[in-house]
Amino acid sequence: NWDGDSELDAVVGVDVPGSSKDEFRLILDLTSGGTSGPSLLIPYAQNTTTSDPPTVLDGSDQNGWGFVGGTQSGQILKGTPGSTTLLELIDLENQAITSILTQDLDDNGGDGLLDVAASSGDEGTMYLFQGLTSGFNEGIPITVSLPVTDFTALDADGDQDVDFILVAPGSATEPMTLLRNDGTTSALRVLAGRTWSKQIIASNNSPGSIASGTLDPKDEEDDWVIGGGTTLGLRGDPNSTIEKTILNSISADCNADLNRDNIVDINDLLIILSNYGENDSGDIDGDGTSGLDDILIFLASFGTEC
């Protein structure tokens, strides 16, 4: 709902071949035949000699909210009615955005504000952006170590918080994965400080796209999950047809507990420093080397009880 009237509108990502004029283009009032709306140029493409084609986008039927889109260069951009420019939420520097979603992701039915979730298959990371009354909080990265092509958000385990089902057809061992939101000790209206567990979903299929939804507009519980690929598809009730096997915890906090004594403290820092630049004994971020990024993660997690 871009223009606030009774008819829904469309936003289209446009890749102009051989040009730096890639854009998101609005088409207004679809049920009346459609009229041309504003076009918002992708900022990275304007400042380079090469193009930055849009890859994915998602809009909202909330009046005045607008849309979000991702690009080949790794930008996540927000378009808002009344603005002639796109707001950059994050720039992943040439790590293409493969899927993006606008949804109220907070516990117990949400806080009434739309949040944004996005994935970069190149980087193997998901990003969550907490919606505020004005704008968003800084992106929260969740390392999934998978070439994700698409995802859907739903409460897969019925514990009143939102989980994600990821599809990565390029993975031989994890083509479908549940990223389970294990929440906190109490339900919070924030997305930060969560523990996430990655679980393989037992399936003979390897879909490239996935969606979920409800059969009752007044029902907050998703009733179905469906996925599709080039040759295979799946359909089912997430509570009865998806089998889950715990694979590993990918909590950004507790990965810093290197000596596994259930607290992130100075002893973990000493492990990083004693192996700095040499091997993976102090590796937290999974790049195979003990380095600066591991120290930064340690500092952000210091004092965490695991």
Protein backbone atom coordinates (compact mmCIF):
# COMPACT_ATOMS: atom_id res chain seq x y z
CA ASN A 1 0.00 0.00 0.00
CA TRP A 2 2.36 2.69 -1.26
CA ASP A 3 -0.02 5.64 -1.73
CA GLY A 4 -2.50 5.08 1.10
CA ASP A 5 -5.68 4.57 -0.90
CA SER A 6 -7.96 1.50 -0.97
CA GLU A 7 -6.04 -0.29 -3.73
CA LEU A 8 -2.78 -2.17 -3.43
CA ASP A 9 0.22 -1.25 -5.54
CA ALA A 10 3.23 -3.14 -6.93
CA VAL A 11 6.95 -2.50 -6.74
CA VAL A 12 9.20 -3.97 -9.44
CA GLY A 13 12.97 -4.32 -9.46
CA VAL A 14 14.35 -3.16 -12.81
CA ASP A 15 17.75 -4.17 -14.20
CA VAL A 16 18.63 -1.83 -17.05
CA PRO A 17 21.18 -3.74 -19.22
CA GLY A 18 24.55 -1.99 -19.57
CA SER A 19 23.39 0.95 -17.48
CA SER A 20 23.87 2.30 -13.97
CA LYS A 21 20.18 3.25 -13.78
CA ASP A 22 18.94 0.13 -12.00
CA GLU A 23 15.90 0.99 -9.92
CA PHE A 24 12.80 0.01 -8.00
CA ARG A 25 9.72 1.16 -9.90
CA LEU A 26 6.20 1.61 -8.45
CA ILE A 27 2.99 0.69 -10.29
CA LEU A 28 -0.02 2.16 -8.52
CA ASP A 29 -3.62 0.91 -8.14
CA LEU A 30 -3.34 -2.48 -9.80
CA THR A 31 -7.05 -3.39 -9.74
CA SER A 32 -7.84 -0.22 -11.70
CA GLY A 33 -5.41 -1.13 -14.46
CA GLY A 34 -2.26 0.35 -12.95
CA THR A 35 -0.58 3.72 -13.40
CA SER A 36 3.09 4.67 -13.30
CA GLY A 37 4.38 5.70 -9.89
CA PRO A 38 7.76 6.97 -8.73
CA SER A 39 11.05 5.27 -9.60
CA LEU A 40 13.78 5.07 -6.95
CA LEU A 41 17.33 4.65 -8.26
CA ILE A 42 19.60 2.12 -6.56
CA PRO A 43 22.36 4.29 -5.01
CA TYR A 44 25.35 2.00 -5.57
CA ALA A 45 24.62 1.81 -9.29
CA GLN A 46 24.54 5.59 -9.56
CA ASN A 47 28.07 5.91 -8.20
CA THR A 48 29.78 3.27 -10.33
CA THR A 49 30.27 2.51 -13.97
CA THR A 50 28.70 -0.92 -13.54
CA SER A 51 25.13 -1.86 -12.71
CA ASP A 52 23.77 -3.14 -9.40
CA PRO A 53 20.66 -5.11 -10.35
CA PRO A 54 17.95 -5.75 -7.75
CA THR A 55 17.67 -9.39 -6.68
CA VAL A 56 14.75 -9.58 -4.22
CA LEU A 57 12.16 -7.31 -2.60
CA ASP A 58 9.16 -7.36 -0.31
CA GLY A 59 6.48 -4.79 0.41
CA SER A 60 3.80 -4.17 3.02
CA ASP A 61 0.08 -3.45 2.99
CA GLN A 62 0.55 -1.15 5.99
CA ASN A 63 -0.15 2.39 4.86
CA GLY A 64 3.04 4.45 4.71
CA TRP A 65 5.50 1.61 5.38
CA GLY A 66 6.81 1.09 1.84
CA PHE A 67 9.11 -1.76 0.78
CA VAL A 68 12.58 -3.26 1.21
CA GLY A 69 14.81 -4.65 -1.51
CA GLY A 70 18.14 -6.37 -1.93
CA THR A 71 20.74 -6.06 -4.69
CA GLN A 72 23.48 -8.05 -6.36
CA SER A 73 26.18 -5.98 -4.65
CA GLY A 74 24.80 -6.76 -1.17
CA GLN A 75 22.80 -3.64 -0.36
CA ILE A 76 19.56 -3.86 1.64
CA LEU A 77 17.48 -0.77 0.85
CA LYS A 78 14.22 0.69 2.22
CA GLY A 79 11.80 2.70 0.11
CA THR A 80 9.39 4.95 2.01
CA PRO A 81 6.45 6.96 0.56
CA GLY A 82 7.29 10.65 0.34
CA SER A 83 11.02 10.06 -0.08
CA THR A 84 12.74 10.19 -3.47
CA THR A 85 15.79 8.22 -2.29
CA LEU A 86 16.36 4.76 -0.85
CA LEU A 87 17.56 4.31 2.72
CA GLU A 88 20.48 1.88 3.07
CA LEU A 89 20.02 -0.57 5.95
CA ILE A 90 23.30 -2.42 5.30
CA ASP A 91 25.98 -2.89 2.62
CA LEU A 92 27.51 -6.38 2.52
CA GLU A 93 30.09 -5.41 -0.12
CA ASN A 94 29.41 -7.71 -3.07
CA GLN A 95 27.65 -10.47 -1.10
CA ALA A 96 24.37 -10.78 -3.04
CA ILE A 97 21.06 -10.65 -1.15
CA THR A 98 19.10 -13.82 -1.96
CA SER A 99 15.89 -13.41 0.05
CA ILE A 100 14.17 -10.67 2.03
CA LEU A 101 11.05 -10.55 4.21
CA THR A 102 9.00 -7.90 6.02
CA GLN A 103 7.15 -9.33 9.03
CA ASP A 104 6.52 -8.62 12.69
CA LEU A 105 9.06 -11.06 14.13
CA ASP A 106 8.71 -10.32 17.85
CA ASP A 107 7.39 -12.81 20.40
CA ASN A 108 3.73 -13.54 21.21
CA GLY A 109 2.25 -12.17 18.01
CA GLY A 110 4.62 -9.21 17.68
CA ASP A 111 4.85 -5.62 18.84
CA GLY A 112 2.87 -4.09 15.97
CA LEU A 113 5.99 -2.87 14.14
CA LEU A 114 7.31 -4.58 11.02
CA ASP A 115 10.82 -5.99 11.13
CA VAL A 116 13.05 -7.07 8.23
CA ALA A 117 14.87 -10.36 7.73
CA ALA A 118 17.29 -10.97 4.86
CA SER A 119 19.76 -13.61 3.73
CA SER A 120 22.99 -13.56 1.78
CA GLY A 121 23.71 -16.91 0.18
CA ASP A 122 27.24 -15.81 -0.73
CA GLU A 123 28.05 -14.88 2.86
CA GLY A 124 26.10 -17.68 4.53
CA THR A 125 24.51 -15.20 6.92
CA MET A 126 21.04 -13.95 7.84
CA TYR A 127 20.36 -10.43 9.07
CA LEU A 128 17.51 -9.22 11.29
CA PHE A 129 16.52 -5.55 11.52
CA GLN A 130 14.33 -4.61 14.50
CA GLY A 131 11.56 -2.23 13.46
CA LEU A 132 11.26 0.95 15.54
CA THR A 133 8.62 3.68 15.55
CA SER A 134 11.08 5.50 13.29
CA GLY A 135 13.53 3.42 11.27
CA PHE A 136 15.38 0.27 12.37
CA ASN A 137 18.02 -0.91 14.78
CA GLU A 138 21.40 -1.96 13.41
CA GLY A 139 21.36 -5.30 11.62
CA ILE A 140 21.77 -8.45 13.77
CA PRO A 141 23.86 -11.08 11.95
CA ILE A 142 23.17 -14.81 12.37
CA THR A 143 25.79 -17.08 10.86
CA VAL A 144 24.11 -20.09 9.21
CA SER A 145 27.04 -21.18 6.99
CA LEU A 146 24.69 -22.15 4.15
CA PRO A 147 24.14 -20.81 0.60
CA VAL A 148 20.54 -19.82 1.41
CA THR A 149 18.35 -19.09 -1.62
CA ASP A 150 15.10 -18.46 0.27
CA PHE A 151 13.50 -18.68 3.72
CA THR A 152 10.17 -18.34 5.46
CA ALA A 153 9.33 -17.21 9.00
CA LEU A 154 6.89 -19.07 11.25
CA ASP A 155 6.53 -20.50 14.74
CA ALA A 156 7.60 -24.03 13.80
CA ASP A 157 7.76 -25.41 17.36
CA GLY A 158 4.76 -23.65 18.90
CA ASP A 159 6.64 -21.74 21.61
CA GLN A 160 5.28 -18.28 20.70
CA ASP A 161 8.40 -16.99 18.96
CA VAL A 162 9.30 -16.86 15.28
CA ASP A 163 11.64 -19.43 13.71
CA PHE A 164 12.96 -19.65 10.14
CA ILE A 165 12.97 -22.48 7.63
CA LEU A 166 15.88 -22.04 5.21
CA VAL A 167 16.40 -23.69 1.84
CA ALA A 168 19.86 -24.12 0.35
CA PRO A 169 19.68 -26.44 -2.68
CA GLY A 170 23.42 -26.00 -3.21
CA SER A 171 24.18 -27.78 0.07
CA ALA A 172 24.66 -31.53 -0.21
CA THR A 173 23.98 -32.14 3.49
CA GLU A 174 21.60 -29.33 4.58
CA PRO A 175 19.22 -28.49 1.70
CA MET A 176 16.46 -27.66 4.23
CA THR A 177 17.19 -26.34 7.69
CA LEU A 178 15.18 -25.09 10.65
CA LEU A 179 16.77 -22.09 12.35
CA ARG A 180 15.04 -22.38 15.71
CA ASN A 181 14.62 -19.33 17.88
CA ASP A 182 15.29 -20.56 21.39
CA GLY A 183 14.43 -17.15 22.76
CA THR A 184 15.54 -15.94 26.17
CA THR A 185 14.57 -16.70 29.74
CA SER A 186 11.54 -14.47 29.22
CA ALA A 187 9.73 -13.28 26.11
CA LEU A 188 11.09 -9.96 24.90
CA ARG A 189 9.96 -7.38 22.38
CA VAL A 190 13.43 -7.33 20.86
CA LEU A 191 15.30 -9.54 18.42
CA ALA A 192 18.77 -9.09 19.93
CA GLY A 193 20.28 -11.41 22.54
CA ARG A 194 18.66 -14.55 21.17
CA THR A 195 20.03 -18.07 21.00
CA TRP A 196 19.54 -19.79 17.64
CA SER A 197 19.86 -23.50 16.94
CA LYS A 198 20.31 -24.90 13.46
CA GLN A 199 18.56 -28.21 12.74
CA ILE A 200 18.48 -30.33 9.60
CA ILE A 201 14.94 -30.96 8.30
CA ALA A 202 14.47 -34.53 7.12
CA SER A 203 13.36 -34.34 3.48
CA ASN A 204 14.12 -36.03 0.19
CA ASN A 205 13.53 -32.75 -1.63
CA SER A 206 15.85 -29.85 -2.28
CA PRO A 207 13.64 -26.82 -3.05
CA GLY A 208 15.01 -23.47 -4.13
CA SER A 209 12.13 -21.38 -2.74
CA ILE A 210 9.77 -21.69 0.22
CA ALA A 211 6.74 -19.96 1.76
CA SER A 212 4.30 -20.45 4.62
CA GLY A 213 0.94 -19.03 5.58
CA THR A 214 -2.37 -19.35 7.38
CA LEU A 215 -5.81 -20.49 6.21
CA ASP A 216 -7.57 -18.09 8.58
CA PRO A 217 -6.78 -14.33 8.35
CA LYS A 218 -7.52 -13.97 12.07
CA ASP A 219 -5.28 -16.90 13.01
CA GLU A 220 -1.69 -15.99 13.91
CA GLU A 221 -0.50 -19.61 13.51
CA ASP A 222 0.87 -20.68 10.11
CA ASP A 223 -1.00 -23.73 8.80
CA TRP A 224 1.16 -24.72 5.85
CA VAL A 225 4.63 -24.73 4.38
CA ILE A 226 5.33 -25.15 0.67
CA GLY A 227 8.55 -25.17 -1.30
CA GLY A 228 9.50 -25.61 -4.92
CA GLY A 229 12.53 -26.08 -7.14
CA THR A 230 13.33 -26.93 -10.72
CA THR A 231 12.15 -30.54 -10.46
CA LEU A 232 11.05 -31.19 -6.87
CA GLY A 233 8.57 -29.70 -4.41
CA LEU A 234 7.19 -30.22 -0.94
CA ARG A 235 4.04 -29.38 0.97
CA GLY A 236 3.02 -30.04 4.55
CA ASP A 237 2.05 -29.14 8.09
CA PRO A 238 5.20 -28.05 9.98
CA ASN A 239 4.01 -29.64 13.22
CA SER A 240 3.51 -33.13 11.79
CA THR A 241 5.52 -33.69 8.63
CA ILE A 242 8.85 -32.01 9.40
CA GLU A 243 11.29 -34.12 11.37
CA LYS A 244 14.07 -32.26 13.15
CA THR A 245 17.47 -33.43 14.31
CA ILE A 246 19.56 -31.06 16.43
CA LEU A 247 22.74 -30.23 14.52
CA ASN A 248 24.51 -27.51 16.47
CA SER A 249 24.04 -24.28 18.33
CA ILE A 250 25.06 -21.14 16.51
CA SER A 251 24.55 -18.66 19.30
CA ALA A 252 26.75 -15.67 18.60
CA ASP A 253 27.30 -15.28 22.35
CA CYS A 254 28.29 -18.76 23.45
CA ASN A 255 30.58 -19.54 20.52
CA ALA A 256 33.00 -17.27 22.39
CA ASP A 257 33.12 -19.73 25.30
CA LEU A 258 36.18 -21.45 23.83
CA ASN A 259 37.15 -23.51 26.88
CA ARG A 260 33.53 -24.61 27.44
CA ASP A 261 33.42 -23.62 31.11
CA ASN A 262 29.96 -22.07 30.57
CA ILE A 263 31.08 -18.43 30.77
CA VAL A 264 32.79 -16.07 28.35
CA ASP A 265 35.68 -14.61 30.35
CA ILE A 266 39.35 -13.66 30.23
CA ASN A 267 40.42 -17.29 29.86
CA ASP A 268 38.74 -17.41 26.45
CA LEU A 269 40.56 -14.25 25.37
CA LEU A 270 43.88 -15.84 26.35
CA ILE A 271 43.13 -18.76 24.01
CA ILE A 272 42.60 -16.35 21.11
CA LEU A 273 45.75 -14.36 21.88
CA SER A 274 47.98 -17.41 22.30
CA ASN A 275 46.93 -18.70 18.87
CA TYR A 276 46.57 -15.33 17.13
CA GLY A 277 47.17 -15.62 13.37
CA GLU A 278 48.35 -19.21 13.59
CA ASN A 279 45.52 -21.73 13.89
CA ASP A 280 41.86 -22.18 14.68
CA SER A 281 42.14 -22.95 18.41
CA GLY A 282 40.84 -19.48 19.16
CA ASP A 283 38.56 -19.27 16.12
CA ILE A 284 35.02 -18.08 16.93
CA ASP A 285 33.70 -16.85 13.58
CA GLY A 286 34.57 -20.05 11.69
CA ASP A 287 37.10 -18.64 9.22
CA GLY A 288 39.81 -21.08 10.35
CA THR A 289 42.13 -18.50 11.95
CA SER A 290 42.34 -16.86 15.36
CA GLY A 291 42.23 -13.13 14.63
CA LEU A 292 40.78 -9.68 15.19
CA ASP A 293 37.21 -10.62 14.30
CA ASP A 294 37.30 -13.29 17.01
CA ILE A 295 38.45 -10.72 19.57
CA LEU A 296 35.57 -8.42 18.59
CA ILE A 297 33.05 -11.22 19.05
CA PHE A 298 34.64 -12.04 22.41
CA LEU A 299 34.34 -8.42 23.57
CA ALA A 300 30.67 -8.29 22.57
CA SER A 301 30.02 -11.55 24.47
CA PHE A 302 32.17 -10.94 27.57
CA GLY A 303 30.43 -12.07 30.75
CA THR A 304 27.82 -14.18 28.96
CA GLU A 305 26.81 -17.30 30.88
CA CYS A 306 26.32 -20.25 28.54
